[in-house]
N, C-alpha and C. Protein backbone atom coordinates (compact mmCIF):
# COMPACT_ATOMS: atom_id res chain seq x y z
N MET A 1 -5.71 14.14 -19.06
CA MET A 1 -4.32 13.84 -18.78
C MET A 1 -3.74 14.84 -17.79
N HIS A 2 -4.09 16.11 -17.93
CA HIS A 2 -3.59 17.14 -17.02
C HIS A 2 -4.01 16.83 -15.59
N GLU A 3 -5.23 16.39 -15.39
CA GLU A 3 -5.73 16.06 -14.05
C GLU A 3 -4.94 14.88 -13.46
N SER A 4 -4.66 13.88 -14.28
CA SER A 4 -3.90 12.71 -13.81
C SER A 4 -2.48 13.10 -13.41
N LEU A 5 -1.85 13.95 -14.19
CA LEU A 5 -0.49 14.39 -13.88
C LEU A 5 -0.48 15.22 -12.59
N THR A 6 -1.45 16.10 -12.43
CA THR A 6 -1.56 16.90 -11.22
C THR A 6 -1.73 16.01 -10.00
N GLN A 7 -2.58 15.00 -10.11
CA GLN A 7 -2.81 14.07 -9.00
C GLN A 7 -1.55 13.28 -8.68
N LEU A 8 -0.81 12.84 -9.70
CA LEU A 8 0.43 12.10 -9.50
C LEU A 8 1.47 12.97 -8.80
N LEU A 9 1.64 14.21 -9.24
CA LEU A 9 2.63 15.10 -8.63
C LEU A 9 2.26 15.43 -7.19
N THR A 10 0.98 15.60 -6.91
CA THR A 10 0.53 15.87 -5.55
C THR A 10 0.88 14.71 -4.63
N ASN A 11 0.60 13.49 -5.07
CA ASN A 11 0.92 12.31 -4.26
C ASN A 11 2.42 12.10 -4.12
N ALA A 12 3.17 12.43 -5.14
CA ALA A 12 4.63 12.23 -5.11
C ALA A 12 5.30 13.20 -4.13
N GLN A 13 4.67 14.34 -3.86
CA GLN A 13 5.26 15.34 -2.97
C GLN A 13 4.99 15.06 -1.50
N THR A 14 4.12 14.11 -1.20
CA THR A 14 3.80 13.79 0.18
C THR A 14 5.02 13.14 0.85
N PRO A 15 5.45 13.67 2.00
CA PRO A 15 6.62 13.09 2.66
C PRO A 15 6.40 11.64 3.10
N VAL A 16 7.39 10.79 2.86
CA VAL A 16 7.38 9.39 3.30
C VAL A 16 8.79 9.04 3.77
N ASP A 17 8.92 7.89 4.44
CA ASP A 17 10.21 7.50 5.00
C ASP A 17 11.09 6.68 4.06
N SER A 18 10.50 6.10 3.01
CA SER A 18 11.31 5.25 2.13
C SER A 18 10.76 5.26 0.71
N LEU A 19 11.59 4.80 -0.19
CA LEU A 19 11.17 4.68 -1.59
C LEU A 19 10.00 3.71 -1.71
N GLY A 20 10.06 2.61 -0.98
CA GLY A 20 8.97 1.63 -1.01
C GLY A 20 7.64 2.23 -0.60
N GLN A 21 7.66 3.06 0.44
CA GLN A 21 6.43 3.72 0.88
C GLN A 21 5.92 4.69 -0.18
N ARG A 22 6.84 5.40 -0.85
CA ARG A 22 6.43 6.34 -1.90
C ARG A 22 5.76 5.58 -3.05
N LEU A 23 6.37 4.47 -3.47
CA LEU A 23 5.81 3.69 -4.57
C LEU A 23 4.45 3.10 -4.18
N ASP A 24 4.35 2.59 -2.95
CA ASP A 24 3.07 2.06 -2.47
C ASP A 24 2.00 3.14 -2.49
N ARG A 25 2.35 4.32 -2.06
CA ARG A 25 1.38 5.43 -2.03
C ARG A 25 0.95 5.81 -3.45
N LEU A 26 1.90 5.89 -4.36
CA LEU A 26 1.56 6.26 -5.74
C LEU A 26 0.63 5.23 -6.37
N LEU A 27 0.89 3.95 -6.12
CA LEU A 27 0.03 2.90 -6.67
C LEU A 27 -1.34 2.88 -5.99
N THR A 28 -1.36 3.09 -4.69
CA THR A 28 -2.62 3.06 -3.94
C THR A 28 -3.56 4.17 -4.38
N TYR A 29 -3.02 5.36 -4.58
CA TYR A 29 -3.86 6.52 -4.87
C TYR A 29 -3.92 6.90 -6.34
N SER A 30 -3.40 6.04 -7.22
CA SER A 30 -3.50 6.34 -8.65
C SER A 30 -4.94 6.17 -9.11
N LYS A 31 -5.35 7.03 -10.01
CA LYS A 31 -6.72 6.96 -10.53
C LYS A 31 -6.70 6.24 -11.88
N SER A 32 -6.50 4.95 -11.82
CA SER A 32 -6.46 4.14 -13.03
C SER A 32 -7.90 3.90 -13.49
N ASP A 33 -8.16 4.20 -14.75
CA ASP A 33 -9.52 4.02 -15.26
C ASP A 33 -9.58 2.93 -16.33
N THR A 34 -8.60 2.04 -16.31
CA THR A 34 -8.60 0.93 -17.26
C THR A 34 -8.45 -0.37 -16.50
N ASP A 35 -8.61 -1.48 -17.17
CA ASP A 35 -8.42 -2.78 -16.56
C ASP A 35 -6.98 -3.27 -16.71
N ASP A 36 -6.12 -2.42 -17.27
CA ASP A 36 -4.72 -2.79 -17.47
C ASP A 36 -3.99 -2.80 -16.13
N ASP A 37 -2.95 -3.63 -16.06
CA ASP A 37 -2.09 -3.62 -14.88
C ASP A 37 -1.25 -2.35 -14.89
N THR A 38 -0.89 -1.91 -13.71
CA THR A 38 -0.04 -0.74 -13.57
C THR A 38 1.34 -1.18 -13.13
N CYS A 39 2.37 -0.65 -13.77
CA CYS A 39 3.74 -0.97 -13.42
C CYS A 39 4.45 0.34 -13.06
N LEU A 40 5.16 0.31 -11.97
CA LEU A 40 5.88 1.49 -11.52
C LEU A 40 7.26 1.06 -11.08
N ILE A 41 8.28 1.72 -11.59
CA ILE A 41 9.66 1.41 -11.24
C ILE A 41 10.23 2.62 -10.51
N GLY A 42 10.81 2.38 -9.34
CA GLY A 42 11.41 3.47 -8.58
C GLY A 42 12.91 3.27 -8.45
N ILE A 43 13.64 4.33 -8.61
CA ILE A 43 15.09 4.30 -8.47
C ILE A 43 15.48 5.34 -7.44
N GLU A 44 16.22 4.91 -6.44
CA GLU A 44 16.68 5.82 -5.39
C GLU A 44 18.15 6.10 -5.61
N VAL A 45 18.50 7.36 -5.73
CA VAL A 45 19.89 7.77 -5.91
C VAL A 45 20.39 8.31 -4.58
N LEU A 46 21.43 7.69 -4.05
CA LEU A 46 21.99 8.08 -2.77
C LEU A 46 23.28 8.85 -2.97
N GLU A 47 23.54 9.77 -2.07
CA GLU A 47 24.80 10.50 -2.11
C GLU A 47 25.94 9.58 -1.71
N GLN A 48 27.06 9.72 -2.40
CA GLN A 48 28.22 8.91 -2.05
C GLN A 48 28.91 9.57 -0.86
N GLN A 49 29.22 8.78 0.15
CA GLN A 49 29.91 9.28 1.35
C GLN A 49 31.38 9.51 1.02
N GLN A 50 31.91 10.64 1.46
CA GLN A 50 33.33 10.93 1.27
C GLN A 50 34.13 10.21 2.33
N PRO A 51 35.27 9.57 1.98
CA PRO A 51 36.09 8.84 2.98
C PRO A 51 36.75 9.77 3.97
């Protein structure tokens, strides 16, 4: 489990241009060792612009 978490954090720190690209990268490079489907939900929090 420690190895999987380390791999996930390493991939999550790689710079990307959008949330979609980050999620695609995490799914592409995940080391899934089961036949189960993988589900990943991403939420992007944006700063509110001051008027």
